[in-house]
C-alpha cells in the first residue's frame, strides 16, 4: 500500500471513474482493529489490480470522505 496525499487519492478515484475501473474505499478510525497506526486513514483500492493507496489524518476527515462517497456513487455536488 502506497502512502499518498488525499489530493492524489481523489485524482486517482476520478480517473478510475472516467475509465470505468472498479474501485472502492475504506475509512479506518483510530480504534479500528484493522488500523495498525494511530491516525485516521482513508484507503483507495483498485479492484482490478489490487493496488491501494492510503492517506493519513490527525482529524476525522468527514469532508474528505464525502468527496469520495460522491465519486463512488456518481453523485454531483
Protein backbone atom coordinates (compact mmCIF):
# COMPACT_ATOMS: atom_id res chain seq x y z
CA UNK A 1 0.00 0.00 0.00
CA UNK A 2 1.37 3.38 -1.03
CA UNK A 3 1.06 6.33 1.37
CA UNK A 4 0.00 9.45 -0.52
CA UNK A 5 -1.99 12.67 -0.25
CA UNK A 6 -5.74 12.97 -0.27
CA UNK A 7 -5.46 15.01 -3.47
CA UNK A 8 -3.74 12.09 -5.20
CA UNK A 9 -6.39 9.67 -3.94
CA UNK A 10 -9.19 11.89 -5.27
CA UNK A 11 -7.43 12.30 -8.65
CA UNK A 12 -6.96 8.54 -8.87
CA UNK A 13 -10.62 7.88 -8.00
CA UNK A 14 -11.70 10.40 -10.65
CA UNK A 15 -9.50 8.66 -13.22
CA UNK A 16 -10.93 5.26 -12.25
CA UNK A 17 -14.46 6.64 -12.66
CA UNK A 18 -13.62 8.11 -16.06
CA UNK A 19 -12.10 4.82 -17.27
CA UNK A 20 -14.77 2.63 -15.63
CA UNK A 21 -12.19 0.89 -13.46
CA UNK A 22 -13.85 -0.70 -10.43
CA UNK A 23 -12.66 0.72 -7.13
CA UNK A 24 -13.77 1.21 -3.56
CA UNK A 25 -12.55 2.96 -0.46
CA UNK A 26 -12.29 2.38 3.27
CA UNK A 27 -12.25 4.64 6.29
CA UNK A 28 -10.38 3.41 9.35
CA UNK A 29 -10.82 5.14 12.67
CA UNK A 30 -8.06 5.27 15.26
CA UNK A 31 -9.69 2.46 17.22
CA UNK A 32 -10.45 0.21 14.22
CA UNK A 33 -8.99 -3.28 14.63
CA UNK A 34 -7.65 -3.10 11.06
CA UNK A 35 -5.83 0.18 11.71
CA UNK A 36 -2.28 -0.60 12.81
CA UNK A 37 -1.41 3.09 13.19
CA UNK A 38 -2.63 5.92 15.38
CA UNK A 39 -4.13 8.18 12.71
CA UNK A 40 -7.39 8.11 10.81
CA UNK A 41 -6.97 6.50 7.38
CA UNK A 42 -8.67 6.74 4.01
CA UNK A 43 -7.75 3.87 1.70
CA UNK A 44 -8.46 3.63 -2.03
CA UNK A 45 -8.34 0.21 -3.72
CA UNK A 46 -8.26 -0.67 -7.41
CA UNK A 47 -10.40 -3.81 -7.68
CA UNK A 48 -8.72 -4.98 -10.90
CA UNK A 49 -5.08 -4.74 -9.86
CA UNK A 50 -5.32 -4.73 -6.07
CA UNK A 51 -3.18 -1.58 -5.98
CA UNK A 52 -4.06 0.51 -2.94
CA UNK A 53 -3.30 3.97 -1.59
CA UNK A 54 -3.61 5.36 1.92
CA UNK A 55 -3.81 8.89 3.27
CA UNK A 56 -3.37 9.59 6.99
CA UNK A 57 -5.15 12.23 9.08
CA UNK A 58 -4.82 13.65 12.60
CA UNK A 59 -8.53 14.55 12.48
CA UNK A 60 -11.71 12.74 11.43
CA UNK A 61 -11.81 13.55 7.67
CA UNK A 62 -15.56 13.81 7.10
CA UNK A 63 -15.48 16.30 4.21
CA UNK A 64 -12.78 14.29 2.50
CA UNK A 65 -14.86 11.12 2.82
CA UNK A 66 -17.85 12.92 1.35
CA UNK A 67 -15.78 13.69 -1.78
CA UNK A 68 -15.01 10.01 -2.29
CA UNK A 69 -18.57 8.94 -1.49
CA UNK A 70 -19.90 11.32 -4.15
CA UNK A 71 -17.45 9.94 -6.70
CA UNK A 72 -18.18 6.34 -5.76
CA UNK A 73 -21.95 6.76 -6.02
CA UNK A 74 -21.82 9.09 -9.03
CA UNK A 75 -23.45 11.96 -7.16
CA UNK A 76 -22.97 15.53 -8.29
CA UNK A 77 -22.16 18.07 -5.63
